[in-house]
Amino acid sequence: MKKFNLILVAIMMIAFSGEVIAENYYVNSNTGDDGNNGSNSTPWRK
């Protein structure tokens, strides 16, 4: 029974694991602004 539970948990983890999404955010202490969206063209201010 323990083996079945372990297999079931492993299958559920694989089935429900989504793609990990990463993003890059940019900070510029000279020209950045906290109201910006953090992109390369409109960075945040440190």
N, C-alpha and C. Protein backbone atom coordinates (compact mmCIF):
# COMPACT_ATOMS: atom_id res chain seq x y z
N MET A 1 0.82 -1.20 0.00
CA MET A 1 0.00 0.00 0.00
C MET A 1 0.86 1.26 0.00
N LYS A 2 1.97 1.26 0.74
CA LYS A 2 2.86 2.42 0.77
C LYS A 2 3.45 2.69 -0.62
N LYS A 3 3.78 1.60 -1.31
CA LYS A 3 4.35 1.74 -2.65
C LYS A 3 3.33 2.37 -3.60
N PHE A 4 2.07 1.96 -3.48
CA PHE A 4 1.01 2.52 -4.30
C PHE A 4 0.84 4.01 -4.03
N ASN A 5 0.84 4.38 -2.74
CA ASN A 5 0.71 5.80 -2.38
C ASN A 5 1.88 6.62 -2.92
N LEU A 6 3.08 6.08 -2.84
CA LEU A 6 4.25 6.78 -3.36
C LEU A 6 4.14 6.98 -4.87
N ILE A 7 3.71 5.96 -5.57
CA ILE A 7 3.54 6.06 -7.02
C ILE A 7 2.44 7.06 -7.36
N LEU A 8 1.34 7.01 -6.61
CA LEU A 8 0.24 7.94 -6.84
C LEU A 8 0.69 9.39 -6.62
N VAL A 9 1.43 9.64 -5.56
CA VAL A 9 1.93 11.00 -5.29
C VAL A 9 2.88 11.45 -6.40
N ALA A 10 3.75 10.56 -6.85
CA ALA A 10 4.68 10.90 -7.93
C ALA A 10 3.93 11.24 -9.21
N ILE A 11 2.91 10.48 -9.54
CA ILE A 11 2.12 10.75 -10.75
C ILE A 11 1.39 12.09 -10.62
N MET A 12 0.84 12.36 -9.43
CA MET A 12 0.13 13.63 -9.23
C MET A 12 1.09 14.81 -9.34
N MET A 13 2.30 14.66 -8.81
CA MET A 13 3.27 15.75 -8.88
C MET A 13 3.65 16.04 -10.34
N ILE A 14 3.81 15.00 -11.11
CA ILE A 14 4.16 15.18 -12.52
C ILE A 14 2.98 15.78 -13.28
N ALA A 15 1.77 15.31 -12.99
CA ALA A 15 0.59 15.77 -13.71
C ALA A 15 0.26 17.22 -13.40
N PHE A 16 0.45 17.65 -12.16
CA PHE A 16 0.06 18.99 -11.77
C PHE A 16 1.19 20.00 -11.79
N SER A 17 2.39 19.57 -12.13
CA SER A 17 3.49 20.52 -12.18
C SER A 17 3.41 21.29 -13.49
N GLY A 18 3.35 22.59 -13.37
CA GLY A 18 3.26 23.44 -14.55
C GLY A 18 4.63 23.92 -14.97
N GLU A 19 4.65 24.60 -16.06
CA GLU A 19 5.88 25.17 -16.55
C GLU A 19 6.27 26.36 -15.66
N VAL A 20 7.52 26.40 -15.29
CA VAL A 20 8.00 27.50 -14.47
C VAL A 20 8.28 28.68 -15.39
N ILE A 21 7.74 29.82 -15.03
CA ILE A 21 7.89 31.01 -15.87
C ILE A 21 8.81 31.99 -15.15
N ALA A 22 9.86 32.39 -15.82
CA ALA A 22 10.81 33.36 -15.25
C ALA A 22 10.74 34.65 -16.04
N GLU A 23 10.97 35.74 -15.38
CA GLU A 23 10.96 37.05 -16.04
C GLU A 23 12.19 37.83 -15.60
N ASN A 24 12.64 38.72 -16.44
CA ASN A 24 13.72 39.63 -16.10
C ASN A 24 13.15 41.00 -15.79
N TYR A 25 13.63 41.60 -14.71
CA TYR A 25 13.24 42.96 -14.36
C TYR A 25 14.50 43.81 -14.29
N TYR A 26 14.39 45.07 -14.63
CA TYR A 26 15.54 45.95 -14.71
C TYR A 26 15.39 47.11 -13.73
N VAL A 27 16.55 47.51 -13.15
CA VAL A 27 16.61 48.61 -12.19
C VAL A 27 17.70 49.56 -12.64
N ASN A 28 17.41 50.85 -12.62
CA ASN A 28 18.39 51.87 -12.97
C ASN A 28 18.29 52.97 -11.92
N SER A 29 19.36 53.17 -11.15
CA SER A 29 19.32 54.14 -10.06
C SER A 29 19.39 55.57 -10.56
N ASN A 30 19.81 55.78 -11.80
CA ASN A 30 19.93 57.15 -12.32
C ASN A 30 18.65 57.62 -13.01
N THR A 31 18.14 56.83 -13.94
CA THR A 31 17.00 57.29 -14.74
C THR A 31 15.74 56.47 -14.52
N GLY A 32 15.77 55.50 -13.62
CA GLY A 32 14.60 54.65 -13.39
C GLY A 32 13.50 55.38 -12.64
N ASP A 33 12.32 54.76 -12.60
CA ASP A 33 11.17 55.33 -11.91
C ASP A 33 10.38 54.17 -11.31
N ASP A 34 9.98 54.29 -10.04
CA ASP A 34 9.22 53.22 -9.38
C ASP A 34 7.85 53.01 -10.02
N GLY A 35 7.37 53.97 -10.79
CA GLY A 35 6.09 53.83 -11.48
C GLY A 35 6.20 53.05 -12.78
N ASN A 36 7.42 52.77 -13.23
CA ASN A 36 7.62 52.00 -14.47
C ASN A 36 7.30 50.53 -14.25
N ASN A 37 7.33 49.78 -15.34
CA ASN A 37 6.98 48.36 -15.26
C ASN A 37 8.19 47.44 -15.11
N GLY A 38 9.40 47.97 -15.01
CA GLY A 38 10.58 47.16 -14.79
C GLY A 38 11.16 46.53 -16.04
N SER A 39 10.71 46.96 -17.22
CA SER A 39 11.26 46.41 -18.46
C SER A 39 12.59 47.10 -18.78
N ASN A 40 13.26 46.60 -19.81
CA ASN A 40 14.56 47.17 -20.20
C ASN A 40 14.41 48.62 -20.63
N SER A 41 13.33 48.95 -21.31
CA SER A 41 13.15 50.32 -21.80
C SER A 41 12.60 51.26 -20.72
N THR A 42 11.91 50.73 -19.73
CA THR A 42 11.38 51.54 -18.62
C THR A 42 11.68 50.87 -17.29
N PRO A 43 12.94 50.99 -16.81
CA PRO A 43 13.34 50.30 -15.59
C PRO A 43 12.81 50.97 -14.32
N TRP A 44 12.86 50.20 -13.23
CA TRP A 44 12.53 50.74 -11.92
C TRP A 44 13.70 51.55 -11.39
N ARG A 45 13.45 52.32 -10.37
CA ARG A 45 14.53 53.04 -9.72
C ARG A 45 14.89 52.30 -8.44
N LYS A 46 16.16 52.22 -8.15
CA LYS A 46 16.63 51.53 -6.95
C LYS A 46 16.41 52.40 -5.74
